[in-house]
């Protein structure tokens, strides 16, 4: 796995909501779309935006945002479907087990957990499979272990 890192944590729930609303409105500055922001927005969408069906809409949301800030979504850049879906699975699992109540507290606990690590999807995918064009363009099943699911 990769070297340890210290994630940037959030102090206010409103900062997370602003990231999410900025992503949806394509008004978020490109530099604000960090690893931490990706996970914070995913948790926000899953916990506070039941009107958005994340499995059906997340690809379009992120692709639209990338294009709005001058990015491209191609075989080598932009939206990565398998990485995104792996983290959505991880955030769902995290939400099913966390005892944290506030939005910032939940996001920070996620960022400090194993699921918040930048290399977390590599627990399920070999590097070659995860970083393939096929995995970027569409979801492919992991080759090392199945993605986790919350207990029913």
N, C-alpha and C. Protein backbone atom coordinates (compact mmCIF):
# COMPACT_ATOMS: atom_id res chain seq x y z
N UNK A 1 0.84 -1.18 0.00
CA UNK A 1 0.00 0.00 0.00
C UNK A 1 0.89 1.25 0.00
N UNK A 2 0.27 2.41 -0.08
CA UNK A 2 1.04 3.64 -0.14
C UNK A 2 1.45 4.10 1.25
N UNK A 3 2.33 5.08 1.29
CA UNK A 3 2.81 5.62 2.56
C UNK A 3 1.66 6.29 3.30
N UNK A 4 1.84 6.39 4.60
CA UNK A 4 0.83 7.06 5.41
C UNK A 4 0.71 8.52 5.02
N UNK A 5 -0.44 9.06 5.23
CA UNK A 5 -0.67 10.48 4.97
C UNK A 5 -1.64 10.98 6.01
N UNK A 6 -1.67 12.26 6.21
CA UNK A 6 -2.60 12.87 7.15
C UNK A 6 -3.67 13.59 6.34
N UNK A 7 -4.89 13.09 6.40
CA UNK A 7 -5.96 13.73 5.63
C UNK A 7 -6.30 15.11 6.20
N UNK A 8 -6.78 15.96 5.32
CA UNK A 8 -7.29 17.26 5.75
C UNK A 8 -8.69 17.04 6.31
N UNK A 9 -8.87 17.39 7.56
CA UNK A 9 -10.15 17.15 8.22
C UNK A 9 -11.03 18.39 8.14
N UNK A 10 -12.30 18.20 8.42
CA UNK A 10 -13.30 19.26 8.33
C UNK A 10 -13.68 19.73 9.73
N UNK A 11 -13.94 21.02 9.86
CA UNK A 11 -14.35 21.56 11.16
C UNK A 11 -15.85 21.86 11.21
N UNK A 12 -16.46 22.08 10.05
CA UNK A 12 -17.88 22.46 10.04
C UNK A 12 -18.69 21.62 9.06
N UNK A 13 -19.87 21.24 9.48
CA UNK A 13 -20.79 20.53 8.59
C UNK A 13 -21.07 21.37 7.34
N UNK A 14 -21.17 22.68 7.51
CA UNK A 14 -21.52 23.55 6.39
C UNK A 14 -20.45 23.52 5.29
N UNK A 15 -19.20 23.29 5.65
CA UNK A 15 -18.15 23.19 4.64
C UNK A 15 -18.36 21.97 3.74
N UNK A 16 -18.81 20.89 4.33
CA UNK A 16 -19.07 19.66 3.57
C UNK A 16 -20.29 19.86 2.67
N UNK A 17 -21.32 20.44 3.23
CA UNK A 17 -22.52 20.70 2.41
C UNK A 17 -22.20 21.64 1.25
N UNK A 18 -21.35 22.63 1.50
CA UNK A 18 -20.96 23.57 0.42
C UNK A 18 -20.19 22.84 -0.67
N UNK A 19 -19.33 21.89 -0.30
CA UNK A 19 -18.63 21.09 -1.31
C UNK A 19 -19.63 20.32 -2.16
N UNK A 20 -20.58 19.67 -1.49
CA UNK A 20 -21.58 18.88 -2.22
C UNK A 20 -22.43 19.74 -3.13
N UNK A 21 -22.90 20.85 -2.62
CA UNK A 21 -23.72 21.73 -3.45
C UNK A 21 -22.90 22.31 -4.60
N UNK A 22 -21.64 22.63 -4.34
CA UNK A 22 -20.77 23.13 -5.39
C UNK A 22 -20.52 22.10 -6.47
N UNK A 23 -20.35 20.86 -6.07
CA UNK A 23 -20.19 19.78 -7.05
C UNK A 23 -21.44 19.67 -7.92
N UNK A 24 -22.59 19.63 -7.28
CA UNK A 24 -23.85 19.48 -8.02
C UNK A 24 -24.11 20.66 -8.96
N UNK A 25 -23.75 21.85 -8.53
CA UNK A 25 -23.98 23.05 -9.33
C UNK A 25 -22.83 23.33 -10.31
N UNK A 26 -21.80 22.50 -10.26
CA UNK A 26 -20.59 22.71 -11.09
C UNK A 26 -19.99 24.08 -10.82
N UNK A 27 -20.04 24.52 -9.56
CA UNK A 27 -19.48 25.81 -9.18
C UNK A 27 -18.30 25.67 -8.23
N UNK A 28 -17.93 24.46 -7.91
CA UNK A 28 -16.82 24.19 -7.01
C UNK A 28 -15.50 24.46 -7.74
N UNK A 29 -14.57 25.17 -7.12
CA UNK A 29 -13.27 25.33 -7.77
C UNK A 29 -12.59 23.97 -7.95
N UNK A 30 -11.92 23.80 -9.06
CA UNK A 30 -11.26 22.52 -9.36
C UNK A 30 -10.33 22.10 -8.23
N UNK A 31 -9.58 23.04 -7.67
CA UNK A 31 -8.62 22.72 -6.62
C UNK A 31 -9.28 22.20 -5.34
N UNK A 32 -10.56 22.47 -5.17
CA UNK A 32 -11.28 22.00 -3.98
C UNK A 32 -11.71 20.54 -4.09
N UNK A 33 -11.60 19.96 -5.28
CA UNK A 33 -12.07 18.59 -5.53
C UNK A 33 -10.94 17.61 -5.21
N UNK A 34 -10.63 17.51 -3.93
CA UNK A 34 -9.55 16.67 -3.41
C UNK A 34 -10.07 15.28 -3.06
N UNK A 35 -9.16 14.41 -2.67
CA UNK A 35 -9.56 13.08 -2.18
C UNK A 35 -10.53 13.22 -1.02
N UNK A 36 -10.20 14.10 -0.08
CA UNK A 36 -11.07 14.29 1.08
C UNK A 36 -12.44 14.81 0.65
N UNK A 37 -12.47 15.72 -0.32
CA UNK A 37 -13.74 16.24 -0.81
C UNK A 37 -14.56 15.14 -1.47
N UNK A 38 -13.93 14.29 -2.25
CA UNK A 38 -14.64 13.17 -2.87
C UNK A 38 -15.37 12.34 -1.81
N UNK A 39 -14.64 11.97 -0.77
CA UNK A 39 -15.25 11.12 0.26
C UNK A 39 -16.29 11.88 1.08
N UNK A 40 -16.02 13.14 1.38
CA UNK A 40 -16.98 13.94 2.14
C UNK A 40 -18.29 14.08 1.37
N UNK A 41 -18.20 14.37 0.08
CA UNK A 41 -19.40 14.53 -0.74
C UNK A 41 -20.12 13.20 -0.88
N UNK A 42 -19.40 12.12 -1.04
CA UNK A 42 -20.05 10.81 -1.13
C UNK A 42 -20.85 10.52 0.14
N UNK A 43 -20.24 10.75 1.30
CA UNK A 43 -20.95 10.52 2.56
C UNK A 43 -22.15 11.45 2.67
N UNK A 44 -21.99 12.71 2.29
CA UNK A 44 -23.10 13.66 2.32
C UNK A 44 -24.24 13.22 1.42
N UNK A 45 -23.90 12.82 0.20
CA UNK A 45 -24.94 12.35 -0.73
C UNK A 45 -25.69 11.16 -0.16
N UNK A 46 -24.96 10.20 0.38
CA UNK A 46 -25.60 8.99 0.90
C UNK A 46 -26.42 9.26 2.16
N UNK A 47 -26.01 10.22 2.96
CA UNK A 47 -26.70 10.42 4.24
C UNK A 47 -27.70 11.57 4.25
N UNK A 48 -27.53 12.55 3.35
CA UNK A 48 -28.41 13.72 3.41
C UNK A 48 -29.15 14.04 2.12
N UNK A 49 -28.88 13.32 1.06
CA UNK A 49 -29.54 13.62 -0.21
C UNK A 49 -30.23 12.37 -0.78
N UNK A 50 -31.30 11.93 -0.11
CA UNK A 50 -32.02 10.75 -0.62
C UNK A 50 -32.68 10.99 -1.97
N UNK A 51 -32.78 12.26 -2.37
CA UNK A 51 -33.36 12.58 -3.68
C UNK A 51 -32.41 12.25 -4.83
N UNK A 52 -31.16 11.98 -4.50
CA UNK A 52 -30.16 11.64 -5.52
C UNK A 52 -29.84 10.16 -5.39
N UNK A 53 -30.09 9.43 -6.45
CA UNK A 53 -29.79 7.99 -6.48
C UNK A 53 -28.34 7.84 -6.88
N UNK A 54 -27.47 7.72 -5.89
CA UNK A 54 -26.03 7.79 -6.14
C UNK A 54 -25.55 6.74 -7.13
N UNK A 55 -26.09 5.53 -7.08
CA UNK A 55 -25.63 4.49 -8.01
C UNK A 55 -25.95 4.84 -9.45
N UNK A 56 -27.07 5.49 -9.67
CA UNK A 56 -27.47 5.84 -11.03
C UNK A 56 -26.89 7.18 -11.49
N UNK A 57 -26.60 8.08 -10.53
CA UNK A 57 -26.27 9.46 -10.91
C UNK A 57 -24.82 9.88 -10.68
N UNK A 58 -24.06 9.16 -9.88
CA UNK A 58 -22.73 9.65 -9.51
C UNK A 58 -21.81 9.83 -10.71
N UNK A 59 -21.84 8.93 -11.65
CA UNK A 59 -20.95 9.06 -12.83
C UNK A 59 -21.24 10.36 -13.58
N UNK A 60 -22.49 10.63 -13.83
CA UNK A 60 -22.86 11.85 -14.54
C UNK A 60 -22.53 13.10 -13.76
N UNK A 61 -22.74 13.07 -12.46
CA UNK A 61 -22.43 14.23 -11.62
C UNK A 61 -20.95 14.56 -11.70
N UNK A 62 -20.10 13.56 -11.53
CA UNK A 62 -18.66 13.83 -11.52
C UNK A 62 -18.15 14.16 -12.92
N UNK A 63 -18.65 13.47 -13.93
CA UNK A 63 -18.22 13.79 -15.30
C UNK A 63 -18.58 15.23 -15.68
N UNK A 64 -19.82 15.64 -15.34
CA UNK A 64 -20.26 17.01 -15.62
C UNK A 64 -19.36 18.02 -14.92
N UNK A 65 -19.08 17.75 -13.65
CA UNK A 65 -18.21 18.67 -12.90
C UNK A 65 -16.83 18.74 -13.55
N UNK A 66 -16.23 17.59 -13.85
CA UNK A 66 -14.90 17.59 -14.47
C UNK A 66 -14.88 18.46 -15.73
N UNK A 67 -15.86 18.29 -16.56
CA UNK A 67 -15.93 19.07 -17.81
C UNK A 67 -16.15 20.56 -17.52
N UNK A 68 -16.89 20.87 -16.46
CA UNK A 68 -17.18 22.28 -16.14
C UNK A 68 -15.94 23.05 -15.70
N UNK A 69 -14.93 22.33 -15.24
CA UNK A 69 -13.69 22.99 -14.81
C UNK A 69 -12.56 22.77 -15.81
N UNK A 70 -12.92 22.38 -17.03
CA UNK A 70 -11.94 22.22 -18.09
C UNK A 70 -11.28 20.87 -18.16
N UNK A 71 -11.74 19.93 -17.37
CA UNK A 71 -11.19 18.58 -17.40
C UNK A 71 -11.81 17.75 -18.50
N UNK A 72 -11.24 16.60 -18.73
CA UNK A 72 -11.78 15.65 -19.69
C UNK A 72 -12.02 14.32 -18.99
N UNK A 73 -12.92 13.56 -19.53
CA UNK A 73 -13.21 12.21 -19.06
C UNK A 73 -12.88 11.28 -20.21
N UNK A 74 -11.67 10.76 -20.20
CA UNK A 74 -11.26 9.89 -21.29
C UNK A 74 -10.59 8.63 -20.73
N UNK A 75 -9.83 7.95 -21.54
CA UNK A 75 -9.22 6.69 -21.11
C UNK A 75 -8.13 6.87 -20.06
N UNK A 76 -7.68 8.10 -19.82
CA UNK A 76 -6.56 8.32 -18.91
C UNK A 76 -6.80 9.38 -17.85
N UNK A 77 -7.86 10.15 -17.97
CA UNK A 77 -8.11 11.28 -17.07
C UNK A 77 -9.59 11.36 -16.71
N UNK A 78 -9.83 12.08 -15.62
CA UNK A 78 -11.21 12.36 -15.24
C UNK A 78 -11.84 11.22 -14.46
N UNK A 79 -13.14 11.09 -14.66
CA UNK A 79 -13.93 10.14 -13.89
C UNK A 79 -13.40 8.71 -14.03
N UNK A 80 -13.32 8.02 -12.88
CA UNK A 80 -12.87 6.62 -12.84
C UNK A 80 -13.97 5.81 -12.16
N UNK A 81 -14.72 5.03 -12.95
CA UNK A 81 -15.91 4.37 -12.44
C UNK A 81 -15.61 3.34 -11.36
N UNK A 82 -14.64 2.47 -11.55
CA UNK A 82 -14.38 1.42 -10.56
C UNK A 82 -13.87 1.98 -9.24
N UNK A 83 -13.02 3.00 -9.29
CA UNK A 83 -12.56 3.63 -8.05
C UNK A 83 -13.74 4.27 -7.34
N UNK A 84 -14.56 5.00 -8.07
CA UNK A 84 -15.71 5.65 -7.47
C UNK A 84 -16.65 4.64 -6.82
N UNK A 85 -16.96 3.58 -7.54
CA UNK A 85 -17.90 2.58 -7.01
C UNK A 85 -17.31 1.85 -5.80
N UNK A 86 -16.00 1.65 -5.80
CA UNK A 86 -15.36 1.03 -4.63
C UNK A 86 -15.53 1.92 -3.41
N UNK A 87 -15.29 3.21 -3.59
CA UNK A 87 -15.46 4.12 -2.45
C UNK A 87 -16.91 4.26 -2.03
N UNK A 88 -17.84 4.25 -2.96
CA UNK A 88 -19.26 4.28 -2.58
C UNK A 88 -19.58 3.07 -1.70
N UNK A 89 -19.08 1.90 -2.08
CA UNK A 89 -19.29 0.70 -1.26
C UNK A 89 -18.67 0.88 0.12
N UNK A 90 -17.47 1.43 0.17
CA UNK A 90 -16.80 1.65 1.44
C UNK A 90 -17.53 2.65 2.32
N UNK A 91 -18.01 3.73 1.74
CA UNK A 91 -18.73 4.73 2.52
C UNK A 91 -20.05 4.15 3.03
N UNK A 92 -20.72 3.37 2.22
CA UNK A 92 -21.95 2.71 2.70
C UNK A 92 -21.65 1.82 3.89
N UNK A 93 -20.59 1.03 3.79
CA UNK A 93 -20.21 0.16 4.90
C UNK A 93 -19.87 1.00 6.13
N UNK A 94 -19.10 2.05 5.95
CA UNK A 94 -18.74 2.92 7.06
C UNK A 94 -19.99 3.48 7.73
N UNK A 95 -20.92 4.00 6.94
CA UNK A 95 -22.14 4.58 7.51
C UNK A 95 -22.95 3.55 8.29
N UNK A 96 -22.87 2.30 7.90
CA UNK A 96 -23.63 1.26 8.60
C UNK A 96 -23.02 0.90 9.96
N UNK A 97 -21.79 1.34 10.20
CA UNK A 97 -21.12 0.96 11.45
C UNK A 97 -20.72 2.13 12.33
N UNK A 98 -20.70 3.34 11.81
CA UNK A 98 -20.22 4.48 12.61
C UNK A 98 -21.21 4.87 13.69
N UNK A 99 -20.68 5.36 14.77
CA UNK A 99 -21.50 5.88 15.85
C UNK A 99 -21.48 7.41 15.89
N UNK A 100 -20.69 8.00 15.02
CA UNK A 100 -20.59 9.46 14.97
C UNK A 100 -21.92 10.05 14.50
N UNK A 101 -22.31 11.18 15.08
CA UNK A 101 -23.61 11.76 14.77
C UNK A 101 -23.53 12.93 13.79
N UNK A 102 -22.65 13.87 14.00
CA UNK A 102 -22.59 15.05 13.14
C UNK A 102 -21.93 14.74 11.81
N UNK A 103 -22.27 15.53 10.81
CA UNK A 103 -21.73 15.31 9.47
C UNK A 103 -20.20 15.40 9.46
N UNK A 104 -19.64 16.47 9.99
CA UNK A 104 -18.18 16.62 9.99
C UNK A 104 -17.52 15.50 10.80
N UNK A 105 -18.12 15.14 11.91
CA UNK A 105 -17.56 14.05 12.73
C UNK A 105 -17.56 12.74 11.96
N UNK A 106 -18.64 12.47 11.24
CA UNK A 106 -18.70 11.22 10.43
C UNK A 106 -17.67 11.26 9.32
N UNK A 107 -17.59 12.38 8.61
CA UNK A 107 -16.62 12.49 7.52
C UNK A 107 -15.20 12.35 8.05
N UNK A 108 -14.89 13.02 9.13
CA UNK A 108 -13.53 12.93 9.68
C UNK A 108 -13.20 11.52 10.13
N UNK A 109 -14.16 10.85 10.75
CA UNK A 109 -13.92 9.46 11.16
C UNK A 109 -13.69 8.58 9.93
N UNK A 110 -14.44 8.83 8.86
CA UNK A 110 -14.22 8.09 7.61
C UNK A 110 -12.82 8.35 7.08
N UNK A 111 -12.42 9.61 7.02
CA UNK A 111 -11.11 9.96 6.47
C UNK A 111 -9.98 9.35 7.28
N UNK A 112 -10.18 9.16 8.57
CA UNK A 112 -9.15 8.58 9.44
C UNK A 112 -9.21 7.06 9.48
N UNK A 113 -10.24 6.48 8.88
CA UNK A 113 -10.39 5.02 8.88
C UNK A 113 -9.64 4.41 7.70
N UNK A 114 -9.55 3.09 7.69
CA UNK A 114 -8.94 2.39 6.55
C UNK A 114 -9.65 2.73 5.25
N UNK A 115 -10.98 2.87 5.29
CA UNK A 115 -11.75 3.16 4.09
C UNK A 115 -11.46 4.54 3.52
N UNK A 116 -10.92 5.42 4.31
CA UNK A 116 -10.61 6.76 3.85
C UNK A 116 -9.26 6.89 3.17
N UNK A 117 -8.49 5.84 3.20
CA UNK A 117 -7.15 5.90 2.62
C UNK A 117 -7.21 5.95 1.10
N UNK A 118 -6.22 6.62 0.52
CA UNK A 118 -6.15 6.74 -0.94
C UNK A 118 -5.93 5.39 -1.62
N UNK A 119 -5.33 4.46 -0.93
CA UNK A 119 -5.04 3.15 -1.52
C UNK A 119 -6.06 2.08 -1.14
N UNK A 120 -7.14 2.46 -0.50
CA UNK A 120 -8.12 1.48 -0.02
C UNK A 120 -8.64 0.56 -1.13
N UNK A 121 -8.95 1.05 -2.33
CA UNK A 121 -9.44 0.12 -3.38
C UNK A 121 -8.44 -0.97 -3.77
N UNK A 122 -7.15 -0.74 -3.49
CA UNK A 122 -6.14 -1.75 -3.85
C UNK A 122 -6.17 -2.94 -2.91
N UNK A 123 -7.02 -2.93 -1.93
CA UNK A 123 -7.25 -4.12 -1.10
C UNK A 123 -8.13 -5.13 -1.84
N UNK A 124 -8.80 -4.65 -2.86
CA UNK A 124 -9.75 -5.47 -3.61
C UNK A 124 -9.32 -5.71 -5.05
N UNK A 125 -8.55 -4.78 -5.58
CA UNK A 125 -8.10 -4.82 -6.98
C UNK A 125 -6.59 -4.89 -7.07
N UNK A 126 -6.09 -5.64 -8.02
CA UNK A 126 -4.68 -5.52 -8.37
C UNK A 126 -4.50 -4.16 -9.04
N UNK A 127 -3.31 -3.61 -8.94
CA UNK A 127 -3.04 -2.30 -9.52
C UNK A 127 -3.34 -2.29 -11.02
N UNK A 128 -2.89 -3.33 -11.75
CA UNK A 128 -3.12 -3.37 -13.20
C UNK A 128 -4.60 -3.37 -13.54
N UNK A 129 -5.39 -4.14 -12.79
CA UNK A 129 -6.83 -4.19 -13.08
C UNK A 129 -7.51 -2.86 -12.76
N UNK A 130 -7.19 -2.30 -11.58
CA UNK A 130 -7.86 -1.07 -11.16
C UNK A 130 -7.52 0.11 -12.07
N UNK A 131 -6.29 0.17 -12.53
CA UNK A 131 -5.90 1.32 -13.34
C UNK A 131 -5.95 1.05 -14.83
N UNK A 132 -6.74 0.05 -15.20
CA UNK A 132 -6.95 -0.24 -16.62
C UNK A 132 -7.99 0.72 -17.20
N UNK A 133 -7.97 0.84 -18.51
CA UNK A 133 -8.97 1.67 -19.20
C UNK A 133 -10.37 1.12 -18.93
N UNK A 134 -10.52 -0.18 -18.95
CA UNK A 134 -11.84 -0.78 -18.71
C UNK A 134 -12.39 -0.39 -17.34
N UNK A 135 -11.54 -0.38 -16.32
CA UNK A 135 -11.98 -0.03 -14.97
C UNK A 135 -12.32 1.45 -14.86
N UNK A 136 -11.63 2.28 -15.61
CA UNK A 136 -11.93 3.72 -15.61
C UNK A 136 -13.27 3.97 -16.30
N UNK A 137 -13.47 3.32 -17.43
CA UNK A 137 -14.66 3.57 -18.26
C UNK A 137 -15.95 2.99 -17.69
N UNK A 138 -15.85 1.88 -16.96
CA UNK A 138 -17.04 1.25 -16.39
C UNK A 138 -16.63 0.40 -15.21
N UNK A 139 -17.59 0.01 -14.43
CA UNK A 139 -17.28 -0.80 -13.25
C UNK A 139 -16.86 -2.19 -13.68
N UNK A 140 -15.75 -2.64 -13.13
CA UNK A 140 -15.35 -4.03 -13.28
C UNK A 140 -15.19 -4.62 -11.88
N UNK A 141 -15.49 -5.88 -11.77
CA UNK A 141 -15.41 -6.56 -10.47
C UNK A 141 -13.95 -6.65 -10.02
N UNK A 142 -13.73 -6.55 -8.72
CA UNK A 142 -12.37 -6.70 -8.19
C UNK A 142 -11.82 -8.10 -8.45
N UNK A 143 -10.50 -8.21 -8.48
CA UNK A 143 -9.89 -9.51 -8.72
C UNK A 143 -9.20 -10.08 -7.47
N UNK A 144 -9.09 -9.31 -6.40
CA UNK A 144 -8.43 -9.82 -5.19
C UNK A 144 -9.43 -10.22 -4.10
N UNK A 145 -10.49 -9.46 -3.96
CA UNK A 145 -11.51 -9.74 -2.94
C UNK A 145 -12.77 -8.97 -3.33
N UNK A 146 -13.94 -9.46 -2.94
CA UNK A 146 -15.17 -8.71 -3.26
C UNK A 146 -15.24 -7.42 -2.46
N UNK A 147 -15.89 -6.42 -3.05
CA UNK A 147 -16.12 -5.18 -2.31
C UNK A 147 -17.04 -5.46 -1.13
N UNK A 148 -16.82 -4.79 -0.01
CA UNK A 148 -17.65 -5.04 1.17
C UNK A 148 -19.05 -4.48 1.00
N UNK A 149 -19.95 -5.10 1.72
CA UNK A 149 -21.35 -4.65 1.75
C UNK A 149 -21.80 -4.57 3.19
N UNK A 150 -22.63 -3.59 3.51
CA UNK A 150 -23.17 -3.54 4.88
C UNK A 150 -24.00 -4.78 5.18
N UNK A 151 -23.96 -5.21 6.43
CA UNK A 151 -24.81 -6.32 6.84
C UNK A 151 -26.26 -5.86 6.79
N UNK A 152 -27.14 -6.75 6.46
CA UNK A 152 -28.57 -6.39 6.41
C UNK A 152 -29.17 -6.23 7.77
